[in-house]
Structures are given as C-alpha cells and as structure tokens.
C-alpha cells in the first residue's frame, strides 16, 4: 500500500493541477468548486481543511488525487532539460508517445545530405542547391530567366523561369554544410520531441511543413529580388520553437554562461531563452534588410517560422497530451531538478 503524502506534498500537487483536473477532484470529493473561494491558493487551503475533518481524512484526499492524476505523487527522478545558449547540448523531456516524426525528419535530412548533396562536396552540393533551393527572385519572376547565380568556385546556377514553387518544400531538407545540418537537427531534437509529444504524429507533420513554408514566404516577402537560394530546416524548426514557447514557457532551461575563461550554468525559464533568441533574429533580419545584404542567414525566415508556430500551435496541439506533459513539470520553489 502506498504511503499517504503529507500536507505539503498534497498542497503542491493540487497547486500544479490543471483546471480540469481540479474540477474533477472537487467532483470526486463532493465539494462545490464555486464555494471554495477565489484563487487557487484559497481553494487549496479550503480543500485540505475540509478533508482533514471529513471521514477518511487525508488518505481519502490522496486517493482521489491519484484517481484524477495517477502520477501526481510519482517520486521517480525526472530528466533535466538542459540547453546551452545560444547553441549547445540539450536533453529533452521524457516523451509520452513514441517520437516518430522527429526521428523520420532527422533521418530524411541525413539521407538527403549524404546521398543527394554528397555530404557537402561539389558538384553534388551545388547542383542540389541550384535545383532544390528556393530562390525568391525566381519564384516571383523578379529576376530574368537567364540570370546566372554563383554558388561555388567556378560554378553557377542559371534560372530557367519555370514553375519552381515545389522548392518551398524541398529547400527544407537541404543544407549547406556540416555545422548547418548538425545545428538544425540538434535543435529539432531538443524542441521537436516534446512538441510532437503534444500534437501526435499526423498533426505534428502538418504543423512542421506549414511552418517551414510560411517561414520561406516571410523571407521571400522581405527579399523579393534576392538571387540567393534559401535552404535549411531552420524556418520549420523556428516554428517548433515558437510552439514550445506557448506550450512550455516555464520549463527550466539550464544554459551555459561564458565569463571570460570561466564557464558556469544558469537556469532560466524557456520563455526567456526563446524570446531572447527571436529578438536576436529579428534585429539581425532588420539589419540585413536595411543594408541590402544577400546570402548568409535567412533571419526573417526564422522570425516568420517562429511567429507561425506561436500563431498555429493551438490549432494542432491536443489538450489532453499537453496536460499530461506539462502538469508534472510545473516548477515549484521547492522542486529539485
């Protein structure tokens, strides 16, 4: 038989419940939620006080809590979610469903990188970027069809003026170098597994692709005459990061802090790290647009993807999955991660 948690444990668990779980608990205990007072703190005190004098007492309250939230008093060690700022090792939270789509996307990108792009060697890399990268000036027909675009030593890409809107999808699976693909896939695994966990496989697939397309369109909007091919999964991954901001804003993120030669770690909420990151992307994108710079990082694709993720996540996330993931990970002052 499981031990009865003490009052402090019970109060912490009730405080971490979702509104739906709390309503279910009140119904099971025969309490009228509207009569428990205003605010969760007052309601917690009212529930505990009522049950301490009721038949069955705290053991009955603990059993009811376990009934509406089976893992409420789970004391097994939890994984830490760690992140180096701005890029570094991260260990995502434990998944509740098999992470299929994220793994499939990573494998697909790796296969494309090795087999189609020659693992970064020319002429395979240049040819694949020319044929499958998204070029704003070509898509909008703002560049002549005979335009020659240098894409490597002694190599150039000639526009044909044909229909190339399919590149909005194919460009998501192309990369320009080892650091490019490793960094993107690393961030996809960090944030993507928990987001897929909250949407399910089919919804996450659609969400990822839509965010990637909208990210590319955002970059095209600010650079309609650009001849630089856009490649990379970072626009779609930015959408995933935007979704993470909405779904798990208070998850603690352990970040590396460099102070000269001294390196330490600090813990910050996910919303602080992600908002800092998107702020840098926006400022960099504005600077690039104001100077007319072409090539390099498509900052506005990051911004567009992030905004798309924030705007669309509620349409794709499933409330019952989000609740199962987020509630046991509410950060309380006495929690130890």
Protein backbone atom coordinates (compact mmCIF):
# COMPACT_ATOMS: atom_id res chain seq x y z
CA UNK A 1 0.00 0.00 0.00
CA UNK A 2 1.35 3.44 -0.88
CA UNK A 3 2.11 5.91 1.90
CA UNK A 4 -0.13 8.89 2.45
CA UNK A 5 1.66 12.08 1.35
CA UNK A 6 1.98 14.85 3.90
CA UNK A 7 0.02 18.09 3.72
CA UNK A 8 2.80 20.00 1.94
CA UNK A 9 3.03 17.38 -0.81
CA UNK A 10 -0.73 17.38 -1.25
CA UNK A 11 -0.85 21.18 -1.43
CA UNK A 12 1.93 21.26 -4.04
CA UNK A 13 0.23 18.66 -6.22
CA UNK A 14 -3.16 20.38 -6.09
CA UNK A 15 -1.44 23.65 -6.98
CA UNK A 16 0.07 22.02 -10.08
CA UNK A 17 -3.23 20.60 -11.31
CA UNK A 18 -4.87 21.84 -14.47
CA UNK A 19 -8.31 23.46 -14.07
CA UNK A 20 -9.91 20.31 -15.50
CA UNK A 21 -8.08 18.06 -13.01
CA UNK A 22 -9.02 20.31 -10.10
CA UNK A 23 -12.67 20.31 -11.14
CA UNK A 24 -12.61 16.50 -11.37
CA UNK A 25 -11.05 16.29 -7.90
CA UNK A 26 -13.74 18.51 -6.39
CA UNK A 27 -16.47 16.42 -8.03
CA UNK A 28 -14.97 13.20 -6.65
CA UNK A 29 -14.75 14.65 -3.15
CA UNK A 30 -18.28 16.05 -3.30
CA UNK A 31 -17.06 19.64 -2.97
CA UNK A 32 -18.58 22.59 -4.81
CA UNK A 33 -15.74 24.40 -6.52
CA UNK A 34 -17.51 27.75 -6.62
CA UNK A 35 -17.78 27.73 -2.81
CA UNK A 36 -14.09 27.19 -2.17
CA UNK A 37 -13.10 30.85 -2.50
CA UNK A 38 -11.30 32.95 -5.08
CA UNK A 39 -7.87 31.96 -6.38
CA UNK A 40 -6.10 28.62 -6.37
CA UNK A 41 -4.27 29.26 -3.07
CA UNK A 42 -7.53 29.82 -1.19
CA UNK A 43 -9.10 26.81 -2.89
CA UNK A 44 -6.19 24.56 -1.92
CA UNK A 45 -6.47 25.60 1.72
CA UNK A 46 -10.24 25.08 1.65
CA UNK A 47 -9.94 21.58 0.17
CA UNK A 48 -7.26 20.45 2.61
CA UNK A 49 -9.08 21.90 5.63
CA UNK A 50 -12.34 20.28 4.56
CA UNK A 51 -10.78 16.87 4.08
CA UNK A 52 -8.82 16.91 7.33
CA UNK A 53 -12.10 16.91 9.23
CA UNK A 54 -14.05 14.70 6.81
CA UNK A 55 -14.40 10.90 7.04
CA UNK A 56 -11.31 9.28 5.56
CA UNK A 57 -9.24 12.43 6.03
CA UNK A 58 -6.04 12.98 4.07
CA UNK A 59 -5.73 9.34 2.89
CA UNK A 60 -9.04 9.72 1.07
CA UNK A 61 -7.88 13.03 -0.42
CA UNK A 62 -4.63 11.40 -1.61
CA UNK A 63 -6.56 8.51 -3.20
CA UNK A 64 -8.83 10.95 -5.03
CA UNK A 65 -5.85 12.91 -6.29
CA UNK A 66 -4.26 9.71 -7.61
CA UNK A 67 -7.54 8.82 -9.30
CA UNK A 68 -7.68 12.05 -11.34
CA UNK A 69 -3.90 12.27 -11.76
CA UNK A 70 -2.24 8.82 -11.49
CA UNK A 71 1.35 10.14 -11.49
CA UNK A 72 0.73 13.05 -9.12
CA UNK A 73 2.96 11.70 -6.36
CA UNK A 74 5.46 9.98 -8.65
CA UNK A 75 8.85 10.39 -6.98
CA UNK A 76 10.96 8.83 -9.74
CA UNK A 77 13.82 11.02 -10.90
CA UNK A 78 12.95 13.33 -13.77
CA UNK A 79 15.24 14.18 -16.61
CA UNK A 80 16.65 17.67 -16.74
CA UNK A 81 16.04 19.85 -19.75
CA UNK A 82 19.38 21.47 -20.42
CA UNK A 83 20.34 23.99 -23.03
CA UNK A 84 23.45 25.89 -23.89
CA UNK A 85 22.86 29.47 -25.01
CA UNK A 86 22.70 30.11 -27.88
CA UNK A 87 23.66 26.62 -29.10
CA UNK A 88 24.70 23.62 -27.06
CA UNK A 89 23.83 20.26 -25.54
CA UNK A 90 20.20 19.81 -24.62
CA UNK A 91 18.39 16.83 -23.18
CA UNK A 92 14.67 16.97 -23.91
CA UNK A 93 11.96 15.80 -21.55
CA UNK A 94 10.79 12.21 -21.49
CA UNK A 95 8.22 11.56 -24.19
CA UNK A 96 4.80 10.09 -23.53
CA UNK A 97 4.37 8.75 -27.06
CA UNK A 98 6.88 7.28 -29.48
CA UNK A 99 8.70 10.13 -31.22
CA UNK A 100 8.34 9.00 -34.82
CA UNK A 101 8.12 12.12 -36.99
CA UNK A 102 11.09 13.97 -35.48
CA UNK A 103 13.28 10.92 -35.94
CA UNK A 104 12.00 10.44 -39.51
CA UNK A 105 12.74 14.08 -40.37
CA UNK A 106 16.26 13.82 -38.96
CA UNK A 107 16.90 10.61 -40.88
CA UNK A 108 15.49 12.11 -44.09
CA UNK A 109 17.69 15.18 -43.77
CA UNK A 110 20.72 12.99 -43.15
CA UNK A 111 19.95 10.81 -46.18
CA UNK A 112 19.49 13.87 -48.40
CA UNK A 113 22.73 15.37 -47.07
CA UNK A 114 24.77 12.26 -47.80
CA UNK A 115 23.18 10.87 -50.96
CA UNK A 116 21.88 13.97 -52.73
CA UNK A 117 24.27 16.67 -51.53
CA UNK A 118 27.36 14.49 -51.46
CA UNK A 119 27.93 15.24 -47.76
CA UNK A 120 28.87 18.79 -48.71
CA UNK A 121 31.13 18.08 -51.68
CA UNK A 122 30.85 19.69 -55.10
CA UNK A 123 29.45 19.37 -57.68
CA UNK A 124 26.69 17.42 -55.87
CA UNK A 125 26.16 20.14 -53.26
CA UNK A 126 26.00 22.96 -55.80
CA UNK A 127 23.70 21.04 -58.14
CA UNK A 128 21.24 20.11 -55.40
CA UNK A 129 21.13 23.66 -54.03
CA UNK A 130 20.53 25.02 -57.54
CA UNK A 131 17.77 22.54 -58.33
CA UNK A 132 16.03 22.27 -54.94
CA UNK A 133 16.76 25.55 -53.14
CA UNK A 134 14.07 28.26 -53.04
CA UNK A 135 15.17 31.42 -54.89
CA UNK A 136 12.87 34.41 -54.17
CA UNK A 137 13.64 36.17 -57.45
CA UNK A 138 12.81 33.03 -59.43
CA UNK A 139 9.59 32.28 -57.54
CA UNK A 140 8.29 35.83 -58.00
CA UNK A 141 9.77 36.23 -61.50
CA UNK A 142 11.62 39.38 -60.42
CA UNK A 143 14.83 38.06 -61.97
CA UNK A 144 15.40 37.39 -65.70
CA UNK A 145 15.25 33.73 -66.64
CA UNK A 146 18.83 33.86 -67.88
CA UNK A 147 20.26 35.06 -64.55
CA UNK A 148 23.48 33.32 -63.53
CA UNK A 149 23.87 32.82 -59.76
CA UNK A 150 27.38 31.95 -58.46
CA UNK A 151 27.10 29.07 -55.99
CA UNK A 152 30.67 27.86 -55.75
CA UNK A 153 34.17 28.16 -57.18
CA UNK A 154 33.67 28.07 -60.95
CA UNK A 155 30.03 27.01 -60.52
CA UNK A 156 26.83 28.94 -61.19
CA UNK A 157 23.10 28.29 -61.30
CA UNK A 158 21.14 29.55 -64.30
CA UNK A 159 17.46 30.33 -63.80
CA UNK A 160 15.04 28.88 -66.32
CA UNK A 161 11.92 30.84 -65.45
CA UNK A 162 9.95 27.66 -64.89
CA UNK A 163 7.47 26.79 -62.15
CA UNK A 164 9.53 26.16 -59.02
CA UNK A 165 7.14 26.58 -56.07
CA UNK A 166 7.88 22.98 -55.06
CA UNK A 167 11.20 24.33 -53.77
CA UNK A 168 9.36 25.80 -50.77
CA UNK A 169 9.16 22.20 -49.54
CA UNK A 170 12.36 20.70 -50.91
CA UNK A 171 14.50 23.54 -49.56
CA UNK A 172 13.52 22.49 -46.02
CA UNK A 173 15.57 19.34 -46.38
CA UNK A 174 18.70 20.91 -47.91
CA UNK A 175 21.74 22.17 -46.02
CA UNK A 176 24.93 23.99 -46.90
CA UNK A 177 27.46 22.43 -44.56
CA UNK A 178 28.09 20.05 -41.69
CA UNK A 179 27.57 22.67 -39.00
CA UNK A 180 24.37 23.76 -40.72
CA UNK A 181 22.73 20.34 -40.68
CA UNK A 182 24.08 19.30 -37.27
CA UNK A 183 22.90 22.52 -35.64
CA UNK A 184 19.44 22.30 -37.20
CA UNK A 185 18.93 18.64 -36.35
CA UNK A 186 20.19 19.22 -32.83
CA UNK A 187 17.62 21.96 -32.23
CA UNK A 188 14.91 19.87 -33.90
CA UNK A 189 15.54 17.05 -31.44
CA UNK A 190 15.72 19.42 -28.47
CA UNK A 191 12.37 21.07 -29.05
CA UNK A 192 10.67 18.84 -31.59
CA UNK A 193 10.26 15.72 -29.47
CA UNK A 194 8.19 17.49 -26.81
CA UNK A 195 6.10 19.34 -29.39
CA UNK A 196 5.36 16.16 -31.34
CA UNK A 197 4.54 14.58 -28.00
CA UNK A 198 1.87 17.25 -27.53
CA UNK A 199 0.35 17.05 -31.02
CA UNK A 200 0.57 13.48 -32.18
CA UNK A 201 2.33 12.29 -35.33
CA UNK A 202 -0.03 13.46 -38.08
CA UNK A 203 -0.71 16.89 -36.61
CA UNK A 204 2.98 17.48 -35.96
CA UNK A 205 3.91 16.57 -39.54
CA UNK A 206 1.41 19.08 -40.95
CA UNK A 207 2.48 21.72 -38.42
CA UNK A 208 6.17 21.31 -39.25
CA UNK A 209 5.67 21.59 -43.01
CA UNK A 210 3.27 24.54 -42.78
CA UNK A 211 5.67 26.45 -40.54
CA UNK A 212 8.51 25.74 -42.96
CA UNK A 213 6.54 27.06 -45.94
CA UNK A 214 5.39 30.17 -44.07
CA UNK A 215 8.95 30.81 -42.92
CA UNK A 216 10.18 30.73 -46.51
CA UNK A 217 7.36 33.04 -47.61
CA UNK A 218 8.35 35.52 -44.89
CA UNK A 219 11.90 35.66 -46.23
CA UNK A 220 10.63 35.99 -49.80
CA UNK A 221 8.39 38.87 -48.72
CA UNK A 222 11.33 40.91 -47.37
CA UNK A 223 13.73 39.88 -50.16
CA UNK A 224 11.60 39.55 -53.32
CA UNK A 225 14.51 40.27 -55.68
CA UNK A 226 17.05 38.01 -53.96
CA UNK A 227 19.02 35.59 -56.10
CA UNK A 228 20.38 33.66 -53.11
CA UNK A 229 18.95 30.13 -52.82
CA UNK A 230 17.25 29.52 -49.47
CA UNK A 231 17.99 26.16 -47.90
CA UNK A 232 17.73 24.62 -44.47
CA UNK A 233 15.24 23.36 -41.92
CA UNK A 234 15.68 26.30 -39.57
CA UNK A 235 12.46 28.04 -40.64
CA UNK A 236 10.36 24.99 -39.78
CA UNK A 237 12.34 24.41 -36.60
CA UNK A 238 11.76 28.04 -35.61
CA UNK A 239 8.05 27.23 -35.82
CA UNK A 240 8.61 24.31 -33.46
CA UNK A 241 10.44 26.64 -31.07
CA UNK A 242 7.52 29.07 -31.20
CA UNK A 243 5.18 26.22 -30.32
CA UNK A 244 7.42 25.25 -27.43
CA UNK A 245 7.25 28.82 -26.11
CA UNK A 246 3.45 28.63 -25.98
CA UNK A 247 3.20 25.08 -24.63
CA UNK A 248 6.01 25.00 -22.06
CA UNK A 249 7.04 28.58 -21.26
CA UNK A 250 8.12 27.89 -17.67
CA UNK A 251 10.21 24.78 -18.18
CA UNK A 252 13.61 25.46 -16.62
CA UNK A 253 16.43 25.70 -19.14
CA UNK A 254 19.99 25.25 -17.91
CA UNK A 255 22.20 27.46 -20.05
CA UNK A 256 25.94 27.82 -20.35
CA UNK A 257 27.27 31.23 -19.31
CA UNK A 258 30.71 32.27 -20.52
CA UNK A 259 32.57 34.74 -18.29
CA UNK A 260 35.92 35.05 -20.00
CA UNK A 261 37.68 31.74 -19.43
CA UNK A 262 35.22 30.76 -16.72
CA UNK A 263 32.15 28.75 -17.74
CA UNK A 264 29.16 28.18 -15.47
CA UNK A 265 25.48 27.41 -15.84
CA UNK A 266 22.36 29.37 -15.07
CA UNK A 267 18.75 28.21 -15.04
CA UNK A 268 16.23 30.37 -16.89
CA UNK A 269 12.63 29.78 -17.97
CA UNK A 270 12.22 28.59 -21.55
CA UNK A 271 10.26 31.72 -22.45
CA UNK A 272 13.20 33.94 -21.52
CA UNK A 273 15.68 31.99 -23.65
CA UNK A 274 13.33 31.70 -26.65
CA UNK A 275 12.27 35.35 -26.59
CA UNK A 276 15.93 36.36 -26.38
CA UNK A 277 16.70 34.17 -29.39
CA UNK A 278 13.86 35.51 -31.54
CA UNK A 279 14.77 39.08 -30.58
CA UNK A 280 18.28 38.49 -31.95
CA UNK A 281 16.83 37.02 -35.15
CA UNK A 282 14.53 39.99 -35.65
CA UNK A 283 17.25 42.58 -35.06
CA UNK A 284 19.64 40.73 -37.38
CA UNK A 285 16.93 40.44 -40.03
CA UNK A 286 16.15 44.16 -39.89
CA UNK A 287 19.84 44.97 -40.18
CA UNK A 288 20.30 42.61 -43.14
CA UNK A 289 17.25 44.08 -44.91
CA UNK A 290 18.39 47.67 -44.32
CA UNK A 291 21.85 47.00 -45.74
CA UNK A 292 20.54 45.02 -48.72
CA UNK A 293 22.72 42.04 -47.79
CA UNK A 294 22.16 38.89 -49.83
CA UNK A 295 23.12 35.38 -48.87
CA UNK A 296 24.09 34.25 -45.40
CA UNK A 297 21.45 33.52 -42.77
CA UNK A 298 17.77 34.00 -43.67
CA UNK A 299 16.88 35.73 -40.42
CA UNK A 300 13.37 36.69 -41.47
CA UNK A 301 12.63 33.05 -42.25
CA UNK A 302 13.42 32.34 -38.59
CA UNK A 303 11.14 35.16 -37.48
CA UNK A 304 8.36 34.09 -39.84
CA UNK A 305 8.57 30.47 -38.78
CA UNK A 306 8.59 31.40 -35.09
CA UNK A 307 5.54 33.66 -35.44
CA UNK A 308 3.75 30.94 -37.43
CA UNK A 309 4.47 28.42 -34.69
CA UNK A 310 3.13 30.72 -31.98
CA UNK A 311 0.02 31.51 -34.02
CA UNK A 312 -0.79 27.95 -35.13
CA UNK A 313 0.19 25.78 -32.17
CA UNK A 314 -3.23 25.87 -30.51
CA UNK A 315 -4.80 24.54 -33.70
CA UNK A 316 -2.56 21.47 -33.67
CA UNK A 317 -1.79 20.71 -30.01
CA UNK A 318 -4.07 18.26 -28.22
CA UNK A 319 -5.11 19.48 -24.78
CA UNK A 320 -5.01 16.08 -23.08
CA UNK A 321 -1.44 15.44 -24.27
CA UNK A 322 -0.27 18.90 -23.24
CA UNK A 323 -1.80 18.42 -19.80
CA UNK A 324 -0.09 15.05 -19.31
CA UNK A 325 3.27 16.52 -20.25
CA UNK A 326 3.19 19.89 -18.60
CA UNK A 327 1.50 19.37 -15.26
CA UNK A 328 4.11 17.06 -13.65
CA UNK A 329 6.77 19.55 -14.72
CA UNK A 330 5.39 22.70 -13.10
CA UNK A 331 8.32 24.35 -11.36
CA UNK A 332 7.66 25.00 -7.68
CA UNK A 333 10.12 26.74 -5.31
CA UNK A 334 10.98 23.51 -3.52
CA UNK A 335 11.42 21.36 -6.65
CA UNK A 336 14.83 19.87 -7.31
CA UNK A 337 15.74 19.24 -10.94
